[in-house]
Amino acid sequence: MPKISVVVPVYNAVDYLAPCLDSIIQQTYTNLEIILVNDGSTDGSSEVCERYRRQDSRIRLVHNPLGGGGVGSARNTALPLITGDYVLFVDNDDWLEPNHIEFLYHSLTETGSDIAIANFTEFIEERQAFHFHLQAEDYYQKIYTPEEWFAKEYDTQYCLSQCFTVPWGKLYKTSLFENIIYPWEEKVEDDYTTWKIYLLAERIVFSNISLYYHRKRSTSVTKTVDVPSVFPTKSIEERVTMLSLLGYDTSAELRAYRWRLQLHADYYLEKGMMREYQRCLQKIRLLEK
C-alpha cells in the first residue's frame, strides 16, 4: 500500500478543523502522511492541530509563526516535506467521504493515470444546507488526455469548471510537483497553478461522483476579495501563451478572456479606478478590431 500525503493548509478555522481532520484520519485508505501547515492562526486552530498531532502519529505539523502568506504559501511550505508517492489537498473547512482517498487511488492505478479527479458537493454554511448538483444516475468515469481535459475547463455541467480549477478533490502523482510553485502574492492562487499540473500528466481520470464536501462561507477568500482577484486575466494570458505553443485550441480561453476583461472594466469603473478601467478598455478594443 503506497504512502499518500495529505496536505491541509490551516488558517483560523477552529470551528471547522476538527471535522475536517476527523474525516482524513478515518479514511479507509490508512497509509497516510498528513501534513498540516498552520499559517499563523490566532483563533485556537494551533491548539487543535497540536491535539491531533499528539493523537495520530501520521500527522506532521508545521507552524509558520509569521503567517499571512496565504494558502499558496502554505502549500509551498508543504511540498518539500512530502514523502508519499501520491499527494492530495484538503481545505481546512471541508471534509471527505470515508472512501475518498481509496476511491481516487484505485481510479488512478487501475486506469494507469497520473491524476484522479472526483466531483464534490457544496455545503452552504449560512443556510446549513447541502447543494446537490449530482444524482446517482449521473455517474460516469472517463480517461482524458490533458488536451481533452482542457476542453472541460469552462463546462458548467456538473460543476466541471470548478472541478477543473480547484486543487482539492484530486489525487496526483507526487512527481508532477517537481518545480511547481504556488503564487504567494495572489489572493486566489488556484487559477494560476492547477492547469500547469494537468499539462505535466499523460492521463487524467475523472469520476462523476461526489466524494468531497466543500463548505461555502461568506468569509471565504473568494467571497471577500475583489472581483479581479477571483477572476484574474493574467492567468488566462499565461494559459493562452502556453497552450498556443503546445498547439491546443485556445478559443474557449479567448472567450473567457474577453468576458473577464469586461468584468474587470465594469468593476474598475464602479470603483472609480480609471487608470485600470482604461487599460481594460484598451485591450477590449484591440480584440474587437
C-alpha atoms as a PDB file:
ATOM      1  CA  MET A   1       0.000   0.000   0.000  1.00  0.00           C
ATOM      2  CA  PRO A   2       1.871   3.127  -1.184  1.00  0.00           C
ATOM      3  CA  LYS A   3       2.021   6.155   1.054  1.00  0.00           C
ATOM      4  CA  ILE A   4      -0.281   9.054   0.224  1.00  0.00           C
ATOM      5  CA  SER A   5       0.492  12.543   1.539  1.00  0.00           C
ATOM      6  CA  VAL A   6      -2.472  14.723   2.519  1.00  0.00           C
ATOM      7  CA  VAL A   7      -1.748  18.453   2.711  1.00  0.00           C
ATOM      8  CA  VAL A   8      -4.016  20.720   4.775  1.00  0.00           C
ATOM      9  CA  PRO A   9      -3.229  24.470   4.880  1.00  0.00           C
ATOM     10  CA  VAL A  10      -4.654  25.811   8.148  1.00  0.00           C
ATOM     11  CA  TYR A  11      -5.644  29.369   8.943  1.00  0.00           C
ATOM     12  CA  ASN A  12      -8.248  30.454  11.520  1.00  0.00           C
ATOM     13  CA  ALA A  13     -10.625  27.530  11.013  1.00  0.00           C
ATOM     14  CA  VAL A  14     -11.126  26.482  14.625  1.00  0.00           C
ATOM     15  CA  ASP A  15     -14.874  25.879  14.165  1.00  0.00           C
ATOM     16  CA  TYR A  16     -14.348  23.519  11.208  1.00  0.00           C
ATOM     17  CA  LEU A  17     -10.904  21.985  11.602  1.00  0.00           C
ATOM     18  CA  ALA A  18     -11.793  19.027  13.820  1.00  0.00           C
ATOM     19  CA  PRO A  19     -14.450  17.612  11.429  1.00  0.00           C
ATOM     20  CA  CYS A  20     -12.010  18.105   8.559  1.00  0.00           C
ATOM     21  CA  LEU A  21      -9.194  16.232  10.305  1.00  0.00           C
ATOM     22  CA  ASP A  22     -11.537  13.517  11.584  1.00  0.00           C
ATOM     23  CA  SER A  23     -12.640  12.821   8.013  1.00  0.00           C
ATOM     24  CA  ILE A  24      -8.993  12.397   6.994  1.00  0.00           C
ATOM     25  CA  ILE A  25      -7.759  10.178   9.821  1.00  0.00           C
ATOM     26  CA  GLN A  26     -10.854   7.953   9.454  1.00  0.00           C
ATOM     27  CA  GLN A  27     -10.220   7.237   5.763  1.00  0.00           C
ATOM     28  CA  THR A  28     -10.486   3.624   4.629  1.00  0.00           C
ATOM     29  CA  TYR A  29      -7.077   4.095   2.989  1.00  0.00           C
ATOM     30  CA  THR A  30      -4.796   4.181   6.017  1.00  0.00           C
ATOM     31  CA  ASN A  31      -1.200   4.565   4.798  1.00  0.00           C
ATOM     32  CA  LEU A  32      -1.263   8.327   5.025  1.00  0.00           C
ATOM     33  CA  GLU A  33       1.122  11.135   5.811  1.00  0.00           C
ATOM     34  CA  ILE A  34      -0.960  14.116   6.954  1.00  0.00           C
ATOM     35  CA  ILE A  35       0.881  17.442   6.686  1.00  0.00           C
ATOM     36  CA  LEU A  36      -0.725  20.385   8.486  1.00  0.00           C
ATOM     37  CA  VAL A  37       0.711  23.826   7.737  1.00  0.00           C
ATOM     38  CA  ASN A  38      -0.569  26.330  10.278  1.00  0.00           C
ATOM     39  CA  ASP A  39      -0.171  29.773   8.721  1.00  0.00           C
ATOM     40  CA  GLY A  40      -0.133  31.909  11.865  1.00  0.00           C
ATOM     41  CA  SER A  41      -3.658  31.161  13.101  1.00  0.00           C
ATOM     42  CA  THR A  42      -4.869  33.315  16.007  1.00  0.00           C
ATOM     43  CA  ASP A  43      -8.205  31.660  16.810  1.00  0.00           C
ATOM     44  CA  GLY A  44      -7.248  28.391  18.503  1.00  0.00           C
ATOM     45  CA  SER A  45      -6.567  26.406  15.333  1.00  0.00           C
ATOM     46  CA  SER A  46      -2.970  25.926  16.505  1.00  0.00           C
ATOM     47  CA  GLU A  47      -4.166  24.110  19.613  1.00  0.00           C
ATOM     48  CA  VAL A  48      -6.456  21.875  17.541  1.00  0.00           C
ATOM     49  CA  CYS A  49      -3.542  20.981  15.258  1.00  0.00           C
ATOM     50  CA  GLU A  50      -1.321  20.148  18.231  1.00  0.00           C
ATOM     51  CA  ARG A  51      -4.021  17.973  19.799  1.00  0.00           C
ATOM     52  CA  TYR A  52      -4.439  15.936  16.630  1.00  0.00           C
ATOM     53  CA  ARG A  53      -0.673  15.656  16.159  1.00  0.00           C
ATOM     54  CA  ARG A  54      -0.404  14.048  19.592  1.00  0.00           C
ATOM     55  CA  GLN A  55      -3.277  11.678  18.842  1.00  0.00           C
ATOM     56  CA  ASP A  56      -2.155  10.382  15.440  1.00  0.00           C
ATOM     57  CA  SER A  57       1.450   9.559  14.572  1.00  0.00           C
ATOM     58  CA  ARG A  58       0.721  10.055  10.845  1.00  0.00           C
ATOM     59  CA  ILE A  59       0.293  13.800  11.364  1.00  0.00           C
ATOM     60  CA  ARG A  60       3.194  16.183  10.767  1.00  0.00           C
ATOM     61  CA  LEU A  61       2.694  19.775  11.841  1.00  0.00           C
ATOM     62  CA  VAL A  62       4.476  22.897  10.662  1.00  0.00           C
ATOM     63  CA  HIS A  63       3.812  26.284  12.256  1.00  0.00           C
ATOM     64  CA  ASN A  64       4.509  29.364  10.137  1.00  0.00           C
ATOM     65  CA  PRO A  65       4.868  31.836  13.044  1.00  0.00           C
ATOM     66  CA  LEU A  66       4.741  34.959  10.907  1.00  0.00           C
ATOM     67  CA  GLY A  67       1.673  33.799   8.996  1.00  0.00           C
ATOM     68  CA  GLY A  68      -0.138  35.844   6.422  1.00  0.00           C
ATOM     69  CA  GLY A  69       1.393  34.020   3.477  1.00  0.00           C
ATOM     70  CA  GLY A  70      -1.926  32.615   2.321  1.00  0.00           C
ATOM     71  CA  VAL A  71      -2.921  29.206   1.022  1.00  0.00           C
ATOM     72  CA  GLY A  72      -0.377  29.259  -1.799  1.00  0.00           C
ATOM     73  CA  SER A  73       2.474  29.913   0.611  1.00  0.00           C
ATOM     74  CA  ALA A  74       1.255  27.133   2.915  1.00  0.00           C
ATOM     75  CA  ARG A  75       1.194  24.661   0.025  1.00  0.00           C
ATOM     76  CA  ASN A  76       4.703  25.715  -0.971  1.00  0.00           C
ATOM     77  CA  THR A  77       5.838  25.034   2.594  1.00  0.00           C
ATOM     78  CA  ALA A  78       4.338  21.533   2.451  1.00  0.00           C
ATOM     79  CA  LEU A  79       5.593  20.411  -0.968  1.00  0.00           C
ATOM     80  CA  PRO A  80       9.260  19.815   0.021  1.00  0.00           C
ATOM     81  CA  LEU A  81       8.086  17.805   3.057  1.00  0.00           C
ATOM     82  CA  ILE A  82       6.047  15.279   1.069  1.00  0.00           C
ATOM     83  CA  THR A  83       7.381  11.707   1.255  1.00  0.00           C
ATOM     84  CA  GLY A  84       4.365   9.938  -0.236  1.00  0.00           C
ATOM     85  CA  ASP A  85       4.101   8.546  -3.749  1.00  0.00           C
ATOM     86  CA  TYR A  86       0.868  10.473  -4.209  1.00  0.00           C
ATOM     87  CA  VAL A  87      -0.476  13.755  -2.845  1.00  0.00           C
ATOM     88  CA  LEU A  88      -3.947  15.098  -2.057  1.00  0.00           C
ATOM     89  CA  PHE A  89      -5.042  18.559  -0.896  1.00  0.00           C
ATOM     90  CA  VAL A  90      -7.881  19.305   1.532  1.00  0.00           C
ATOM     91  CA  ASP A  91      -9.119  22.760   2.542  1.00  0.00           C
ATOM     92  CA  ASN A  92      -9.277  23.231   6.304  1.00  0.00           C
ATOM     93  CA  ASP A  93     -13.034  23.760   6.459  1.00  0.00           C
ATOM     94  CA  ASP A  94     -14.021  20.938   4.084  1.00  0.00           C
ATOM     95  CA  TRP A  95     -14.414  17.221   4.728  1.00  0.00           C
ATOM     96  CA  LEU A  96     -14.210  13.888   2.902  1.00  0.00           C
ATOM     97  CA  GLU A  97     -16.329  10.814   2.380  1.00  0.00           C
ATOM     98  CA  PRO A  98     -14.660   7.883   4.221  1.00  0.00           C
ATOM     99  CA  ASN A  99     -13.614   6.238   0.936  1.00  0.00           C
ATOM    100  CA  HIS A 100     -12.492   9.441  -0.810  1.00  0.00           C
ATOM    101  CA  ILE A 101      -8.786   8.599  -0.924  1.00  0.00           C
ATOM    102  CA  GLU A 102      -9.248   4.878  -1.558  1.00  0.00           C
ATOM    103  CA  PHE A 103     -11.581   5.551  -4.482  1.00  0.00           C
ATOM    104  CA  LEU A 104      -9.184   8.041  -6.068  1.00  0.00           C
ATOM    105  CA  TYR A 105      -6.218   5.718  -5.548  1.00  0.00           C
ATOM    106  CA  HIS A 106      -7.940   2.774  -7.251  1.00  0.00           C
ATOM    107  CA  SER A 107      -9.203   5.029 -10.056  1.00  0.00           C
ATOM    108  CA  LEU A 108      -5.688   6.278 -10.688  1.00  0.00           C
ATOM    109  CA  THR A 109      -3.853   2.960 -10.502  1.00  0.00           C
ATOM    110  CA  GLU A 110      -6.431   0.843 -12.333  1.00  0.00           C
ATOM    111  CA  THR A 111      -6.524   3.251 -15.295  1.00  0.00           C
ATOM    112  CA  GLY A 112      -2.783   3.959 -15.367  1.00  0.00           C
ATOM    113  CA  SER A 113      -3.445   7.664 -14.852  1.00  0.00           C
ATOM    114  CA  ASP A 114      -1.296  10.388 -13.313  1.00  0.00           C
ATOM    115  CA  ILE A 115      -4.180  12.333 -11.771  1.00  0.00           C
ATOM    116  CA  ALA A 116      -7.521  11.061 -10.466  1.00  0.00           C
ATOM    117  CA  ILE A 117     -10.361  13.557 -10.018  1.00  0.00           C
ATOM    118  CA  ALA A 118     -13.773  13.209  -8.398  1.00  0.00           C
ATOM    119  CA  ASN A 119     -16.692  15.604  -8.093  1.00  0.00           C
ATOM    120  CA  PHE A 120     -17.936  17.298  -4.920  1.00  0.00           C
ATOM    121  CA  THR A 121     -20.973  18.553  -3.020  1.00  0.00           C
ATOM    122  CA  GLU A 122     -21.330  22.106  -1.718  1.00  0.00           C
ATOM    123  CA  PHE A 123     -22.404  22.825   1.843  1.00  0.00           C
ATOM    124  CA  ILE A 124     -23.795  26.350   2.298  1.00  0.00           C
ATOM    125  CA  GLU A 125     -22.672  27.336   5.786  1.00  0.00           C
ATOM    126  CA  GLU A 126     -25.083  30.251   6.321  1.00  0.00           C
ATOM    127  CA  ARG A 127     -28.118  28.094   5.482  1.00  0.00           C
ATOM    128  CA  GLN A 128     -26.704  24.851   6.898  1.00  0.00           C
ATOM    129  CA  ALA A 129     -27.845  23.210   3.686  1.00  0.00           C
ATOM    130  CA  PHE A 130     -26.309  20.973   1.045  1.00  0.00           C
ATOM    131  CA  HIS A 131     -26.382  21.955  -2.604  1.00  0.00           C
ATOM    132  CA  PHE A 132     -26.503  18.754  -4.637  1.00  0.00           C
ATOM    133  CA  HIS A 133     -25.672  19.022  -8.328  1.00  0.00           C
ATOM    134  CA  LEU A 134     -25.288  15.267  -8.932  1.00  0.00           C
ATOM    135  CA  GLN A 135     -27.683  12.346  -8.924  1.00  0.00           C
ATOM    136  CA  ALA A 136     -26.727   8.677  -8.747  1.00  0.00           C
ATOM    137  CA  GLU A 137     -27.584   8.218 -12.424  1.00  0.00           C
ATOM    138  CA  ASP A 138     -25.095  10.953 -13.388  1.00  0.00           C
ATOM    139  CA  TYR A 139     -22.124   8.736 -12.559  1.00  0.00           C
ATOM    140  CA  TYR A 140     -19.537   8.034 -15.218  1.00  0.00           C
ATOM    141  CA  GLN A 141     -15.788   7.578 -15.335  1.00  0.00           C
ATOM    142  CA  LYS A 142     -13.672   8.724 -18.269  1.00  0.00           C
ATOM    143  CA  ILE A 143      -9.992   8.929 -19.074  1.00  0.00           C
ATOM    144  CA  TYR A 144      -8.707  12.112 -20.735  1.00  0.00           C
ATOM    145  CA  THR A 145      -5.506  13.321 -22.268  1.00  0.00           C
ATOM    146  CA  PRO A 146      -4.552  16.771 -20.945  1.00  0.00           C
ATOM    147  CA  GLU A 147      -5.787  18.339 -24.193  1.00  0.00           C
ATOM    148  CA  GLU A 148      -9.145  16.560 -23.916  1.00  0.00           C
ATOM    149  CA  TRP A 149      -9.487  17.579 -20.246  1.00  0.00           C
ATOM    150  CA  PHE A 150      -8.807  21.222 -21.115  1.00  0.00           C
ATOM    151  CA  ALA A 151     -11.946  21.120 -23.273  1.00  0.00           C
ATOM    152  CA  LYS A 152     -13.900  20.781 -19.984  1.00  0.00           C
ATOM    153  CA  GLU A 153     -12.343  23.850 -18.371  1.00  0.00           C
ATOM    154  CA  TYR A 154     -15.366  26.101 -18.895  1.00  0.00           C
ATOM    155  CA  ASP A 155     -18.038  23.391 -18.918  1.00  0.00           C
ATOM    156  CA  THR A 156     -20.638  24.297 -16.281  1.00  0.00           C
ATOM    157  CA  GLN A 157     -22.474  20.953 -16.378  1.00  0.00           C
ATOM    158  CA  TYR A 158     -21.941  19.044 -13.122  1.00  0.00           C
ATOM    159  CA  CYS A 159     -19.709  21.964 -11.976  1.00  0.00           C
ATOM    160  CA  LEU A 160     -16.924  20.611 -14.177  1.00  0.00           C
ATOM    161  CA  SER A 161     -15.422  24.087 -14.467  1.00  0.00           C
ATOM    162  CA  GLN A 162     -14.864  24.240 -10.719  1.00  0.00           C
ATOM    163  CA  CYS A 163     -13.622  20.646 -10.653  1.00  0.00           C
ATOM    164  CA  PHE A 164     -11.062  21.709 -13.248  1.00  0.00           C
ATOM    165  CA  THR A 165      -9.751  24.729 -11.354  1.00  0.00           C
ATOM    166  CA  VAL A 166      -9.536  23.764  -7.680  1.00  0.00           C
ATOM    167  CA  PRO A 167      -6.590  21.764  -6.274  1.00  0.00           C
ATOM    168  CA  TRP A 168      -8.737  19.616  -3.966  1.00  0.00           C
ATOM    169  CA  GLY A 169     -10.808  16.564  -4.911  1.00  0.00           C
ATOM    170  CA  LYS A 170      -7.809  15.110  -6.741  1.00  0.00           C
ATOM    171  CA  LEU A 171      -5.067  12.566  -6.210  1.00  0.00           C
ATOM    172  CA  TYR A 172      -1.817  13.385  -8.006  1.00  0.00           C
ATOM    173  CA  LYS A 173       1.419  11.536  -8.536  1.00  0.00           C
ATOM    174  CA  THR A 174       3.860  13.438  -6.366  1.00  0.00           C
ATOM    175  CA  SER A 175       6.416  13.537  -9.187  1.00  0.00           C
ATOM    176  CA  LEU A 176       4.186  16.026 -11.034  1.00  0.00           C
ATOM    177  CA  PHE A 177       5.002  18.706  -8.444  1.00  0.00           C
ATOM    178  CA  GLU A 178       8.678  18.947  -9.199  1.00  0.00           C
ATOM    179  CA  ASN A 179       9.365  22.650  -9.883  1.00  0.00           C
ATOM    180  CA  ILE A 180       5.716  23.598  -9.189  1.00  0.00           C
ATOM    181  CA  ILE A 181       5.372  26.780  -7.127  1.00  0.00           C
ATOM    182  CA  TYR A 182       2.060  28.214  -5.955  1.00  0.00           C
ATOM    183  CA  PRO A 183       1.891  32.016  -6.226  1.00  0.00           C
ATOM    184  CA  TRP A 184       2.032  33.549  -2.761  1.00  0.00           C
ATOM    185  CA  GLU A 185       1.418  37.099  -3.969  1.00  0.00           C
ATOM    186  CA  GLU A 186      -2.057  36.319  -5.384  1.00  0.00           C
ATOM    187  CA  LYS A 187      -5.192  36.311  -3.218  1.00  0.00           C
ATOM    188  CA  VAL A 188      -6.664  33.343  -5.147  1.00  0.00           C
ATOM    189  CA  GLU A 189      -3.983  31.011  -6.455  1.00  0.00           C
ATOM    190  CA  ASP A 190      -5.890  28.056  -7.951  1.00  0.00           C
ATOM    191  CA  ASP A 191      -6.369  29.508 -11.425  1.00  0.00           C
ATOM    192  CA  TYR A 192      -2.639  30.097 -11.758  1.00  0.00           C
ATOM    193  CA  THR A 193      -1.449  26.599 -10.881  1.00  0.00           C
ATOM    194  CA  THR A 194      -3.747  23.581 -11.260  1.00  0.00           C
ATOM    195  CA  TRP A 195      -3.767  23.706 -15.070  1.00  0.00           C
ATOM    196  CA  LYS A 196       0.032  23.519 -15.176  1.00  0.00           C
ATOM    197  CA  ILE A 197      -0.042  20.210 -13.321  1.00  0.00           C
ATOM    198  CA  TYR A 198      -2.522  18.827 -15.878  1.00  0.00           C
ATOM    199  CA  LEU A 199      -0.082  19.637 -18.672  1.00  0.00           C
ATOM    200  CA  LEU A 200       2.597  17.561 -16.945  1.00  0.00           C
ATOM    201  CA  ALA A 201       0.329  14.495 -16.876  1.00  0.00           C
ATOM    202  CA  GLU A 202      -0.172  11.903 -19.599  1.00  0.00           C
ATOM    203  CA  ARG A 203      -3.575  10.564 -18.489  1.00  0.00           C
ATOM    204  CA  ILE A 204      -6.253  12.075 -16.268  1.00  0.00           C
ATOM    205  CA  VAL A 205      -9.207  10.059 -14.977  1.00  0.00           C
ATOM    206  CA  PHE A 206     -12.387  11.858 -13.920  1.00  0.00           C
ATOM    207  CA  SER A 207     -15.191  10.178 -11.949  1.00  0.00           C
ATOM    208  CA  ASN A 208     -18.521  11.983 -11.774  1.00  0.00           C
ATOM    209  CA  ILE A 209     -19.251  11.026  -8.192  1.00  0.00           C
ATOM    210  CA  SER A 210     -19.368  13.244  -5.116  1.00  0.00           C
ATOM    211  CA  LEU A 211     -16.746  12.256  -2.538  1.00  0.00           C
ATOM    212  CA  TYR A 212     -15.708  15.683  -1.212  1.00  0.00           C
ATOM    213  CA  TYR A 213     -17.737  18.258   0.746  1.00  0.00           C
ATOM    214  CA  HIS A 214     -16.819  21.855   0.030  1.00  0.00           C
ATOM    215  CA  ARG A 215     -18.010  24.372   2.608  1.00  0.00           C
ATOM    216  CA  LYS A 216     -19.128  27.714   1.177  1.00  0.00           C
ATOM    217  CA  ARG A 217     -18.846  30.550   3.697  1.00  0.00           C
ATOM    218  CA  SER A 218     -19.463  34.275   3.424  1.00  0.00           C
ATOM    219  CA  THR A 219     -15.991  34.797   4.920  1.00  0.00           C
ATOM    220  CA  SER A 220     -14.174  32.518   2.453  1.00  0.00           C
ATOM    221  CA  VAL A 221     -11.404  34.023   0.328  1.00  0.00           C
ATOM    222  CA  THR A 222     -13.419  34.034  -2.900  1.00  0.00           C
ATOM    223  CA  LYS A 223     -16.267  35.839  -1.106  1.00  0.00           C
ATOM    224  CA  THR A 224     -14.143  38.564   0.472  1.00  0.00           C
ATOM    225  CA  VAL A 225     -11.553  39.527  -2.152  1.00  0.00           C
ATOM    226  CA  ASP A 226     -12.112  41.774  -5.159  1.00  0.00           C
ATOM    227  CA  VAL A 227     -13.519  40.580  -8.491  1.00  0.00           C
ATOM    228  CA  PRO A 228     -10.250  40.918 -10.452  1.00  0.00           C
ATOM    229  CA  SER A 229      -8.533  38.593  -7.952  1.00  0.00           C
ATOM    230  CA  VAL A 230     -11.249  35.935  -8.178  1.00  0.00           C
ATOM    231  CA  PHE A 231     -11.356  36.080 -11.999  1.00  0.00           C
ATOM    232  CA  PRO A 232      -7.816  37.095 -12.986  1.00  0.00           C
ATOM    233  CA  THR A 233      -6.876  37.896 -16.567  1.00  0.00           C
ATOM    234  CA  LYS A 234      -3.157  37.293 -16.036  1.00  0.00           C
ATOM    235  CA  SER A 235      -3.725  33.567 -15.550  1.00  0.00           C
ATOM    236  CA  ILE A 236      -5.565  33.314 -18.891  1.00  0.00           C
ATOM    237  CA  GLU A 237      -2.859  35.316 -20.660  1.00  0.00           C
ATOM    238  CA  GLU A 238      -0.328  32.781 -19.365  1.00  0.00           C
ATOM    239  CA  ARG A 239      -2.517  29.830 -20.397  1.00  0.00           C
ATOM    240  CA  VAL A 240      -3.145  31.178 -23.893  1.00  0.00           C
ATOM    241  CA  THR A 241       0.584  31.575 -24.422  1.00  0.00           C
ATOM    242  CA  MET A 242       1.429  28.076 -23.221  1.00  0.00           C
ATOM    243  CA  LEU A 243      -1.492  26.300 -24.895  1.00  0.00           C
ATOM    244  CA  SER A 244      -0.808  28.069 -28.186  1.00  0.00           C
ATOM    245  CA  LEU A 245       2.793  26.903 -28.094  1.00  0.00           C
ATOM    246  CA  LEU A 246       1.554  23.350 -27.482  1.00  0.00           C
ATOM    247  CA  GLY A 247      -0.867  23.568 -30.414  1.00  0.00           C
ATOM    248  CA  TYR A 248      -4.053  23.388 -28.273  1.00  0.00           C
ATOM    249  CA  ASP A 249      -7.329  25.032 -29.256  1.00  0.00           C
ATOM    250  CA  THR A 250      -7.493  28.320 -27.310  1.00  0.00           C
ATOM    251  CA  SER A 251     -10.905  29.546 -28.493  1.00  0.00           C
ATOM    252  CA  ALA A 252     -12.551  28.860 -25.110  1.00  0.00           C
ATOM    253  CA  GLU A 253      -9.727  30.654 -23.309  1.00  0.00           C
ATOM    254  CA  LEU A 254     -10.106  33.677 -25.556  1.00  0.00           C
ATOM    255  CA  ARG A 255     -13.861  33.831 -24.925  1.00  0.00           C
ATOM    256  CA  ALA A 256     -13.214  33.635 -21.178  1.00  0.00           C
ATOM    257  CA  TYR A 257     -10.551  36.332 -21.501  1.00  0.00           C
ATOM    258  CA  ARG A 258     -12.963  38.734 -23.205  1.00  0.00           C
ATOM    259  CA  TRP A 259     -15.587  38.055 -20.518  1.00  0.00           C
ATOM    260  CA  ARG A 260     -13.110  38.666 -17.706  1.00  0.00           C
ATOM    261  CA  LEU A 261     -11.814  41.861 -19.301  1.00  0.00           C
ATOM    262  CA  GLN A 262     -15.342  43.263 -19.385  1.00  0.00           C
ATOM    263  CA  LEU A 263     -15.935  42.095 -15.806  1.00  0.00           C
ATOM    264  CA  HIS A 264     -12.786  43.908 -14.705  1.00  0.00           C
ATOM    265  CA  ALA A 265     -13.719  47.041 -16.645  1.00  0.00           C
ATOM    266  CA  ASP A 266     -17.151  47.190 -15.014  1.00  0.00           C
ATOM    267  CA  TYR A 267     -15.590  46.690 -11.571  1.00  0.00           C
ATOM    268  CA  TYR A 268     -12.942  49.378 -12.031  1.00  0.00           C
ATOM    269  CA  LEU A 269     -15.469  51.864 -13.416  1.00  0.00           C
ATOM    270  CA  GLU A 270     -17.749  51.313 -10.417  1.00  0.00           C
ATOM    271  CA  LYS A 271     -14.800  51.804  -8.039  1.00  0.00           C
ATOM    272  CA  GLY A 272     -13.586  54.905  -9.867  1.00  0.00           C
ATOM    273  CA  MET A 273     -10.260  53.270 -10.723  1.00  0.00           C
ATOM    274  CA  MET A 274      -9.994  54.979 -14.073  1.00  0.00           C
ATOM    275  CA  ARG A 275      -6.434  54.031 -14.996  1.00  0.00           C
ATOM    276  CA  GLU A 276      -7.195  50.329 -14.572  1.00  0.00           C
ATOM    277  CA  TYR A 277     -10.527  50.823 -16.365  1.00  0.00           C
ATOM    278  CA  GLN A 278      -8.804  52.406 -19.366  1.00  0.00           C
ATOM    279  CA  ARG A 279      -6.277  49.555 -19.553  1.00  0.00           C
ATOM    280  CA  CYS A 280      -9.131  47.071 -19.791  1.00  0.00           C
ATOM    281  CA  LEU A 281     -10.876  49.143 -22.465  1.00  0.00           C
ATOM    282  CA  GLN A 282      -7.665  49.295 -24.481  1.00  0.00           C
ATOM    283  CA  LYS A 283      -7.392  45.501 -24.539  1.00  0.00           C
ATOM    284  CA  ILE A 284     -11.099  45.070 -25.329  1.00  0.00           C
ATOM    285  CA  ARG A 285     -10.838  47.463 -28.290  1.00  0.00           C
ATOM    286  CA  LEU A 286      -7.736  45.715 -29.585  1.00  0.00           C
ATOM    287  CA  LEU A 287      -9.565  42.400 -29.501  1.00  0.00           C
ATOM    288  CA  GLU A 288     -12.639  43.876 -31.184  1.00  0.00           C
ATOM    289  CA  LYS A 289     -10.546  45.300 -34.003  1.00  0.00           C
END
